[in-house]
Amino acid sequence: MSDNLTTAAKVLEALGGAEGVAVITGSDRKAVYNWKYFDAFPAHTYLSITTELERRGKRAPVSLWRKMSPPRKPVANGGGSKKRRASR
């Protein structure tokens, strides 16, 4: 059974505090320490943190990572919104 960690502080604690998470993510310890107060992690840390949590039998909701959203479906016209000029 996995533990669901619902705050950045709980994730940090489970992974060895700011120093442990700094090693896991390759980030500066002072930056990691601030994530506790923002109660969110930068999106680029998602894979490294969730992989380590899973290894330890724990989980955290995606809402703890900033700017994380599922990829958009491609638009049939390529997604371009620019109007084309008529050639002269």
N, C-alpha and C. Protein backbone atom coordinates (compact mmCIF):
# COMPACT_ATOMS: atom_id res chain seq x y z
N MET A 1 0.84 -1.18 0.00
CA MET A 1 0.00 0.00 0.00
C MET A 1 0.89 1.25 0.00
N SER A 2 0.53 2.22 -0.81
CA SER A 2 1.39 3.40 -0.90
C SER A 2 0.81 4.56 -0.09
N ASP A 3 1.71 5.34 0.47
CA ASP A 3 1.32 6.54 1.21
C ASP A 3 1.13 7.67 0.21
N ASN A 4 0.03 8.42 0.36
CA ASN A 4 -0.22 9.56 -0.50
C ASN A 4 0.18 10.83 0.26
N LEU A 5 1.22 11.49 -0.20
CA LEU A 5 1.76 12.69 0.44
C LEU A 5 1.10 13.90 -0.21
N THR A 6 0.38 14.70 0.57
CA THR A 6 -0.45 15.74 -0.01
C THR A 6 0.13 17.15 0.04
N THR A 7 1.31 17.32 0.62
CA THR A 7 1.94 18.64 0.66
C THR A 7 3.41 18.51 0.26
N ALA A 8 3.97 19.62 -0.19
CA ALA A 8 5.40 19.63 -0.53
C ALA A 8 6.23 19.31 0.71
N ALA A 9 5.81 19.80 1.87
CA ALA A 9 6.55 19.54 3.10
C ALA A 9 6.61 18.04 3.40
N LYS A 10 5.51 17.33 3.18
CA LYS A 10 5.49 15.89 3.43
C LYS A 10 6.37 15.14 2.43
N VAL A 11 6.39 15.60 1.19
CA VAL A 11 7.25 14.99 0.18
C VAL A 11 8.71 15.20 0.56
N LEU A 12 9.05 16.42 0.92
CA LEU A 12 10.43 16.72 1.33
C LEU A 12 10.84 15.84 2.51
N GLU A 13 9.99 15.74 3.48
CA GLU A 13 10.30 14.93 4.67
C GLU A 13 10.51 13.46 4.29
N ALA A 14 9.67 12.95 3.41
CA ALA A 14 9.76 11.55 3.00
C ALA A 14 11.03 11.25 2.21
N LEU A 15 11.58 12.27 1.56
CA LEU A 15 12.76 12.07 0.71
C LEU A 15 14.05 12.59 1.33
N GLY A 16 14.05 12.82 2.62
CA GLY A 16 15.29 13.21 3.30
C GLY A 16 15.50 14.70 3.44
N GLY A 17 14.44 15.46 3.39
CA GLY A 17 14.54 16.91 3.56
C GLY A 17 15.11 17.60 2.32
N ALA A 18 15.45 18.87 2.49
CA ALA A 18 15.95 19.67 1.37
C ALA A 18 17.23 19.07 0.78
N GLU A 19 18.10 18.55 1.64
CA GLU A 19 19.35 17.97 1.13
C GLU A 19 19.09 16.73 0.29
N GLY A 20 18.19 15.87 0.74
CA GLY A 20 17.87 14.66 -0.01
C GLY A 20 17.24 14.98 -1.36
N VAL A 21 16.30 15.92 -1.36
CA VAL A 21 15.63 16.29 -2.61
C VAL A 21 16.59 17.04 -3.54
N ALA A 22 17.51 17.80 -2.99
CA ALA A 22 18.52 18.48 -3.81
C ALA A 22 19.35 17.46 -4.58
N VAL A 23 19.72 16.39 -3.91
CA VAL A 23 20.51 15.33 -4.56
C VAL A 23 19.66 14.64 -5.62
N ILE A 24 18.42 14.31 -5.30
CA ILE A 24 17.52 13.61 -6.23
C ILE A 24 17.27 14.43 -7.49
N THR A 25 17.07 15.74 -7.32
CA THR A 25 16.70 16.60 -8.45
C THR A 25 17.88 17.32 -9.10
N GLY A 26 19.04 17.30 -8.44
CA GLY A 26 20.18 18.04 -8.97
C GLY A 26 20.02 19.54 -8.79
N SER A 27 19.24 19.93 -7.80
CA SER A 27 18.96 21.35 -7.56
C SER A 27 19.74 21.87 -6.37
N ASP A 28 19.80 23.18 -6.26
CA ASP A 28 20.45 23.84 -5.13
C ASP A 28 19.61 23.62 -3.87
N ARG A 29 20.27 23.30 -2.76
CA ARG A 29 19.57 23.01 -1.50
C ARG A 29 18.71 24.19 -1.05
N LYS A 30 19.19 25.41 -1.23
CA LYS A 30 18.41 26.59 -0.81
C LYS A 30 17.14 26.72 -1.64
N ALA A 31 17.22 26.44 -2.93
CA ALA A 31 16.03 26.48 -3.78
C ALA A 31 15.02 25.43 -3.33
N VAL A 32 15.52 24.23 -3.06
CA VAL A 32 14.65 23.14 -2.61
C VAL A 32 13.95 23.52 -1.30
N TYR A 33 14.68 24.13 -0.39
CA TYR A 33 14.11 24.54 0.88
C TYR A 33 12.92 25.48 0.67
N ASN A 34 13.00 26.36 -0.32
CA ASN A 34 11.91 27.29 -0.61
C ASN A 34 10.66 26.61 -1.14
N TRP A 35 10.82 25.48 -1.80
CA TRP A 35 9.65 24.78 -2.35
C TRP A 35 8.66 24.41 -1.26
N LYS A 36 9.14 24.17 -0.07
CA LYS A 36 8.27 23.84 1.07
C LYS A 36 7.30 24.99 1.33
N TYR A 37 7.79 26.21 1.23
CA TYR A 37 6.95 27.37 1.51
C TYR A 37 6.03 27.73 0.36
N PHE A 38 6.43 27.40 -0.86
CA PHE A 38 5.56 27.61 -2.02
C PHE A 38 4.51 26.51 -2.09
N ASP A 39 4.74 25.41 -1.36
CA ASP A 39 3.92 24.20 -1.39
C ASP A 39 3.74 23.70 -2.82
N ALA A 40 4.81 23.82 -3.59
CA ALA A 40 4.79 23.34 -4.97
C ALA A 40 6.22 23.14 -5.44
N PHE A 41 6.37 22.23 -6.39
CA PHE A 41 7.67 21.95 -6.98
C PHE A 41 7.70 22.45 -8.42
N PRO A 42 8.87 22.82 -8.94
CA PRO A 42 8.96 23.18 -10.35
C PRO A 42 8.63 21.96 -11.22
N ALA A 43 8.00 22.19 -12.35
CA ALA A 43 7.56 21.10 -13.22
C ALA A 43 8.71 20.18 -13.63
N HIS A 44 9.92 20.73 -13.82
CA HIS A 44 11.03 19.91 -14.29
C HIS A 44 11.49 18.86 -13.27
N THR A 45 10.99 18.94 -12.04
CA THR A 45 11.39 17.97 -11.02
C THR A 45 10.41 16.80 -10.91
N TYR A 46 9.35 16.83 -11.68
CA TYR A 46 8.29 15.82 -11.55
C TYR A 46 8.82 14.39 -11.69
N LEU A 47 9.52 14.12 -12.75
CA LEU A 47 9.97 12.75 -13.00
C LEU A 47 10.93 12.25 -11.92
N SER A 48 11.91 13.06 -11.55
CA SER A 48 12.89 12.60 -10.57
C SER A 48 12.25 12.38 -9.19
N ILE A 49 11.37 13.27 -8.78
CA ILE A 49 10.75 13.14 -7.47
C ILE A 49 9.75 11.99 -7.45
N THR A 50 8.89 11.90 -8.45
CA THR A 50 7.88 10.83 -8.44
C THR A 50 8.51 9.45 -8.60
N THR A 51 9.61 9.37 -9.34
CA THR A 51 10.31 8.09 -9.47
C THR A 51 10.86 7.65 -8.11
N GLU A 52 11.45 8.58 -7.39
CA GLU A 52 11.99 8.24 -6.07
C GLU A 52 10.88 7.93 -5.07
N LEU A 53 9.79 8.68 -5.13
CA LEU A 53 8.66 8.38 -4.25
C LEU A 53 8.13 6.97 -4.52
N GLU A 54 7.96 6.63 -5.78
CA GLU A 54 7.46 5.31 -6.15
C GLU A 54 8.40 4.21 -5.64
N ARG A 55 9.69 4.44 -5.76
CA ARG A 55 10.68 3.47 -5.28
C ARG A 55 10.51 3.23 -3.77
N ARG A 56 10.05 4.26 -3.06
CA ARG A 56 9.87 4.16 -1.62
C ARG A 56 8.43 3.80 -1.22
N GLY A 57 7.58 3.51 -2.21
CA GLY A 57 6.21 3.12 -1.92
C GLY A 57 5.30 4.27 -1.55
N LYS A 58 5.60 5.44 -2.08
CA LYS A 58 4.82 6.64 -1.76
C LYS A 58 4.38 7.32 -3.05
N ARG A 59 3.40 8.21 -2.91
CA ARG A 59 2.87 8.96 -4.06
C ARG A 59 2.58 10.39 -3.66
N ALA A 60 2.47 11.26 -4.65
CA ALA A 60 2.08 12.66 -4.42
C ALA A 60 1.23 13.09 -5.60
N PRO A 61 0.22 13.93 -5.37
CA PRO A 61 -0.64 14.38 -6.47
C PRO A 61 0.10 15.32 -7.42
N VAL A 62 -0.26 15.26 -8.68
CA VAL A 62 0.37 16.10 -9.70
C VAL A 62 0.16 17.59 -9.40
N SER A 63 -0.85 17.91 -8.62
CA SER A 63 -1.13 19.31 -8.28
C SER A 63 -0.01 19.96 -7.46
N LEU A 64 0.92 19.16 -6.93
CA LEU A 64 2.07 19.74 -6.21
C LEU A 64 3.14 20.27 -7.15
N TRP A 65 2.98 20.07 -8.45
CA TRP A 65 3.96 20.58 -9.40
C TRP A 65 3.34 21.72 -10.18
N ARG A 66 4.09 22.82 -10.29
CA ARG A 66 3.61 23.99 -11.03
C ARG A 66 3.60 23.72 -12.53
N LYS A 67 2.57 24.23 -13.16
CA LYS A 67 2.44 24.19 -14.62
C LYS A 67 2.45 22.78 -15.18
N MET A 68 1.88 21.85 -14.45
CA MET A 68 1.77 20.48 -14.96
C MET A 68 0.35 20.30 -15.48
N SER A 69 0.24 19.95 -16.73
CA SER A 69 -1.07 19.65 -17.31
C SER A 69 -0.86 18.61 -18.40
N PRO A 70 -1.92 17.87 -18.69
CA PRO A 70 -1.77 16.87 -19.74
C PRO A 70 -1.50 17.53 -21.08
N PRO A 71 -0.79 16.85 -21.97
CA PRO A 71 -0.52 17.43 -23.28
C PRO A 71 -1.82 17.65 -24.05
N ARG A 72 -1.83 18.71 -24.83
CA ARG A 72 -3.01 19.01 -25.65
C ARG A 72 -3.04 18.12 -26.87
N LYS A 73 -4.25 17.87 -27.34
CA LYS A 73 -4.40 17.14 -28.59
C LYS A 73 -4.01 18.06 -29.74
N PRO A 74 -3.35 17.53 -30.75
CA PRO A 74 -3.01 18.39 -31.90
C PRO A 74 -4.27 18.84 -32.63
N VAL A 75 -4.25 20.06 -33.12
CA VAL A 75 -5.36 20.60 -33.88
C VAL A 75 -5.20 20.20 -35.34
N ALA A 76 -6.30 19.89 -36.00
CA ALA A 76 -6.27 19.39 -37.38
C ALA A 76 -5.51 20.32 -38.33
N ASN A 77 -5.61 21.63 -38.15
CA ASN A 77 -4.94 22.56 -39.06
C ASN A 77 -3.52 22.88 -38.60
N GLY A 78 -3.00 22.11 -37.67
CA GLY A 78 -1.65 22.35 -37.19
C GLY A 78 -1.59 23.34 -36.05
N GLY A 79 -2.75 23.85 -35.63
CA GLY A 79 -2.78 24.75 -34.48
C GLY A 79 -2.41 26.18 -34.78
N GLY A 80 -2.11 26.49 -36.02
CA GLY A 80 -1.73 27.86 -36.36
C GLY A 80 -2.92 28.79 -36.31
N SER A 81 -2.73 29.95 -35.75
CA SER A 81 -3.83 30.90 -35.68
C SER A 81 -3.56 32.12 -36.55
N LYS A 82 -2.44 32.12 -37.26
CA LYS A 82 -2.11 33.24 -38.12
C LYS A 82 -2.92 33.16 -39.41
N LYS A 83 -3.41 34.31 -39.82
CA LYS A 83 -4.11 34.36 -41.09
C LYS A 83 -3.10 34.43 -42.21
N ARG A 84 -3.40 33.73 -43.27
CA ARG A 84 -2.51 33.76 -44.42
C ARG A 84 -2.84 34.92 -45.33
N ARG A 85 -1.80 35.53 -45.85
CA ARG A 85 -1.98 36.63 -46.78
C ARG A 85 -2.19 36.07 -48.18
N ALA A 86 -3.02 36.72 -48.89
CA ALA A 86 -3.22 36.33 -50.31
C ALA A 86 -1.98 36.76 -51.08
N SER A 87 -1.50 35.87 -51.93
CA SER A 87 -0.32 36.23 -52.72
C SER A 87 -0.72 37.19 -53.82
N ARG A 88 0.18 38.10 -54.12
CA ARG A 88 -0.12 39.15 -55.13
C ARG A 88 0.39 38.78 -56.46
